Amino acid sequence: MKIYRVEHPLTGDGPYRCWEYEIPGLSAAHTGSESHPLPGRDLQYNEYCGFASMTDLLTWFKGWEGQLIAAGFHIAEYETLLGFWRRATDDPNQILFIKDYAELSRTHKIFSSFAVA
């Protein structure tokens, strides 16, 4: 299974947990809104959030690409096996996975204009 995730190359943290490279306003704009539901109350301490497609990831972060680029984030593409990922309870577009059992296969630059309608 391919999983796409925005993360910082120096820390491996996503933009919601990366305090050193915080994106002002991102967490508040995305916390529990209808278009950005939380992954679920059953999120485990060793699970990371990502998406099953690049389109889902780009849609999620649309409008924030400039800030993500300025803070140094990139898109990480992971490969993982069944049993080490699942769909988020409260948002089936989000994938929760155990990063310790995933292999980073490549990275992608975040472009200043996402090609998502």
C-alpha atoms as a PDB file:
ATOM      1  CA  MET A   1       0.000   0.000   0.000  1.00  0.00           C
ATOM      2  CA  LYS A   2       1.322   3.438  -0.933  1.00  0.00           C
ATOM      3  CA  ILE A   3       0.793   6.179   1.611  1.00  0.00           C
ATOM      4  CA  TYR A   4       1.441   9.880   0.986  1.00  0.00           C
ATOM      5  CA  ARG A   5       2.270  12.168   3.872  1.00  0.00           C
ATOM      6  CA  VAL A   6       3.459  15.762   4.352  1.00  0.00           C
ATOM      7  CA  GLU A   7       6.405  15.786   6.727  1.00  0.00           C
ATOM      8  CA  HIS A   8       9.548  17.715   7.534  1.00  0.00           C
ATOM      9  CA  PRO A   9      12.749  16.052   6.284  1.00  0.00           C
ATOM     10  CA  LEU A  10      14.746  16.976   9.403  1.00  0.00           C
ATOM     11  CA  THR A  11      12.293  15.682  11.987  1.00  0.00           C
ATOM     12  CA  GLY A  12       9.924  13.300  10.173  1.00  0.00           C
ATOM     13  CA  ASP A  13       7.058  15.119  11.864  1.00  0.00           C
ATOM     14  CA  GLY A  14       3.961  16.290  10.024  1.00  0.00           C
ATOM     15  CA  PRO A  15       2.896  19.935  10.033  1.00  0.00           C
ATOM     16  CA  TYR A  16       0.587  19.444  13.045  1.00  0.00           C
ATOM     17  CA  ARG A  17       3.342  18.065  15.306  1.00  0.00           C
ATOM     18  CA  CYS A  18       6.449  19.818  14.014  1.00  0.00           C
ATOM     19  CA  TRP A  19       6.802  22.578  16.593  1.00  0.00           C
ATOM     20  CA  GLU A  20      10.159  23.789  15.251  1.00  0.00           C
ATOM     21  CA  TYR A  21       8.611  24.463  11.821  1.00  0.00           C
ATOM     22  CA  GLU A  22       5.070  25.367  12.822  1.00  0.00           C
ATOM     23  CA  ILE A  23       2.647  26.678  10.211  1.00  0.00           C
ATOM     24  CA  PRO A  24       0.692  29.485  11.943  1.00  0.00           C
ATOM     25  CA  GLY A  25      -3.056  28.923  11.699  1.00  0.00           C
ATOM     26  CA  LEU A  26      -2.926  25.468  10.095  1.00  0.00           C
ATOM     27  CA  SER A  27      -3.940  23.456  13.158  1.00  0.00           C
ATOM     28  CA  ALA A  28      -6.753  25.848  14.057  1.00  0.00           C
ATOM     29  CA  ALA A  29      -8.074  25.841  10.481  1.00  0.00           C
ATOM     30  CA  HIS A  30      -8.043  22.054  10.238  1.00  0.00           C
ATOM     31  CA  THR A  31      -9.001  20.928  13.733  1.00  0.00           C
ATOM     32  CA  GLY A  32     -12.293  19.098  13.544  1.00  0.00           C
ATOM     33  CA  SER A  33     -13.809  21.071  10.692  1.00  0.00           C
ATOM     34  CA  GLU A  34     -16.244  19.337   8.365  1.00  0.00           C
ATOM     35  CA  SER A  35     -13.717  19.336   5.516  1.00  0.00           C
ATOM     36  CA  HIS A  36     -10.859  18.310   7.836  1.00  0.00           C
ATOM     37  CA  PRO A  37     -12.231  15.900  10.439  1.00  0.00           C
ATOM     38  CA  LEU A  38      -9.950  14.493  13.102  1.00  0.00           C
ATOM     39  CA  PRO A  39      -8.818  10.934  12.298  1.00  0.00           C
ATOM     40  CA  GLY A  40     -10.680   9.433  15.267  1.00  0.00           C
ATOM     41  CA  ARG A  41     -10.530   8.990  19.001  1.00  0.00           C
ATOM     42  CA  ASP A  42      -8.820   5.640  18.573  1.00  0.00           C
ATOM     43  CA  LEU A  43      -5.611   7.083  17.073  1.00  0.00           C
ATOM     44  CA  GLN A  44      -2.723   5.168  18.641  1.00  0.00           C
ATOM     45  CA  TYR A  45       0.518   6.748  19.884  1.00  0.00           C
ATOM     46  CA  ASN A  46       2.575   4.959  17.200  1.00  0.00           C
ATOM     47  CA  GLU A  47       0.314   5.802  14.253  1.00  0.00           C
ATOM     48  CA  TYR A  48       0.959   8.513  11.711  1.00  0.00           C
ATOM     49  CA  CYS A  49      -1.541  10.125   9.354  1.00  0.00           C
ATOM     50  CA  GLY A  50      -1.327  10.031   5.591  1.00  0.00           C
ATOM     51  CA  PHE A  51      -3.430   9.507   2.484  1.00  0.00           C
ATOM     52  CA  ALA A  52      -3.923   6.679   0.004  1.00  0.00           C
ATOM     53  CA  SER A  53      -3.603   9.023  -2.970  1.00  0.00           C
ATOM     54  CA  MET A  54      -1.667  12.129  -3.868  1.00  0.00           C
ATOM     55  CA  THR A  55      -4.964  13.758  -4.876  1.00  0.00           C
ATOM     56  CA  ASP A  56      -6.411  13.286  -1.367  1.00  0.00           C
ATOM     57  CA  LEU A  57      -3.255  14.751   0.194  1.00  0.00           C
ATOM     58  CA  LEU A  58      -3.187  17.739  -2.164  1.00  0.00           C
ATOM     59  CA  THR A  59      -6.875  18.432  -1.570  1.00  0.00           C
ATOM     60  CA  TRP A  60      -6.358  18.310   2.214  1.00  0.00           C
ATOM     61  CA  PHE A  61      -3.542  20.894   2.152  1.00  0.00           C
ATOM     62  CA  LYS A  62      -4.852  23.090  -0.681  1.00  0.00           C
ATOM     63  CA  GLY A  63      -4.243  26.744   0.147  1.00  0.00           C
ATOM     64  CA  TRP A  64      -1.354  25.979   2.523  1.00  0.00           C
ATOM     65  CA  GLU A  65       1.272  25.003  -0.041  1.00  0.00           C
ATOM     66  CA  GLY A  66       3.213  28.289   0.190  1.00  0.00           C
ATOM     67  CA  GLN A  67       3.572  28.038   3.967  1.00  0.00           C
ATOM     68  CA  LEU A  68       4.506  24.348   3.772  1.00  0.00           C
ATOM     69  CA  ILE A  69       7.197  25.098   1.173  1.00  0.00           C
ATOM     70  CA  ALA A  70       8.555  28.036   3.206  1.00  0.00           C
ATOM     71  CA  ALA A  71       8.814  25.855   6.312  1.00  0.00           C
ATOM     72  CA  GLY A  72      10.698  23.153   4.387  1.00  0.00           C
ATOM     73  CA  PHE A  73       8.086  20.381   4.249  1.00  0.00           C
ATOM     74  CA  HIS A  74       7.938  17.792   1.489  1.00  0.00           C
ATOM     75  CA  ILE A  75       5.660  14.914   0.516  1.00  0.00           C
ATOM     76  CA  ALA A  76       6.936  11.533   1.651  1.00  0.00           C
ATOM     77  CA  GLU A  77       5.761   8.410  -0.177  1.00  0.00           C
ATOM     78  CA  TYR A  78       5.774   5.275   1.958  1.00  0.00           C
ATOM     79  CA  GLU A  79       5.173   1.603   1.166  1.00  0.00           C
ATOM     80  CA  THR A  80       3.676  -0.574   3.868  1.00  0.00           C
ATOM     81  CA  LEU A  81       2.024  -3.977   4.179  1.00  0.00           C
ATOM     82  CA  LEU A  82      -1.494  -4.901   5.148  1.00  0.00           C
ATOM     83  CA  GLY A  83      -1.737  -5.064   8.923  1.00  0.00           C
ATOM     84  CA  PHE A  84       0.352  -1.939   9.429  1.00  0.00           C
ATOM     85  CA  TRP A  85      -2.211   0.573   8.123  1.00  0.00           C
ATOM     86  CA  ARG A  86      -5.936   1.243   8.439  1.00  0.00           C
ATOM     87  CA  ARG A  87      -8.502   3.837   7.451  1.00  0.00           C
ATOM     88  CA  ALA A  88      -9.185   6.509  10.053  1.00  0.00           C
ATOM     89  CA  THR A  89     -12.392   5.941  11.985  1.00  0.00           C
ATOM     90  CA  ASP A  90     -13.896   9.403  11.557  1.00  0.00           C
ATOM     91  CA  ASP A  91     -12.415  10.231   8.133  1.00  0.00           C
ATOM     92  CA  PRO A  92     -12.036   7.369   5.660  1.00  0.00           C
ATOM     93  CA  ASN A  93      -9.872   9.556   3.387  1.00  0.00           C
ATOM     94  CA  GLN A  94      -7.111   9.519   6.002  1.00  0.00           C
ATOM     95  CA  ILE A  95      -4.849   6.515   6.396  1.00  0.00           C
ATOM     96  CA  LEU A  96      -3.263   5.726   9.751  1.00  0.00           C
ATOM     97  CA  PHE A  97      -0.064   3.724   9.581  1.00  0.00           C
ATOM     98  CA  ILE A  98       2.814   2.532  11.728  1.00  0.00           C
ATOM     99  CA  LYS A  99       5.836   4.317  10.343  1.00  0.00           C
ATOM    100  CA  ASP A 100       8.281   1.872  11.945  1.00  0.00           C
ATOM    101  CA  TYR A 101       6.925  -0.792   9.573  1.00  0.00           C
ATOM    102  CA  ALA A 102       6.801   1.401   6.479  1.00  0.00           C
ATOM    103  CA  GLU A 103       9.561   2.064   3.980  1.00  0.00           C
ATOM    104  CA  LEU A 104      10.147   5.545   2.615  1.00  0.00           C
ATOM    105  CA  SER A 105      10.210   4.923  -1.134  1.00  0.00           C
ATOM    106  CA  ARG A 106      10.592   8.492  -2.401  1.00  0.00           C
ATOM    107  CA  THR A 107       9.926  12.143  -1.688  1.00  0.00           C
ATOM    108  CA  HIS A 108       8.196  14.810  -3.751  1.00  0.00           C
ATOM    109  CA  LYS A 109       8.531  18.580  -3.697  1.00  0.00           C
ATOM    110  CA  ILE A 110       5.460  20.551  -2.755  1.00  0.00           C
ATOM    111  CA  PHE A 111       4.665  22.875  -5.605  1.00  0.00           C
ATOM    112  CA  SER A 112       3.345  26.372  -5.090  1.00  0.00           C
ATOM    113  CA  SER A 113       0.144  25.603  -6.953  1.00  0.00           C
ATOM    114  CA  PHE A 114      -1.598  22.277  -6.404  1.00  0.00           C
ATOM    115  CA  ALA A 115      -3.301  20.894  -9.502  1.00  0.00           C
ATOM    116  CA  VAL A 116      -6.528  20.045  -7.697  1.00  0.00           C
ATOM    117  CA  ALA A 117      -9.907  21.477  -8.614  1.00  0.00           C
END
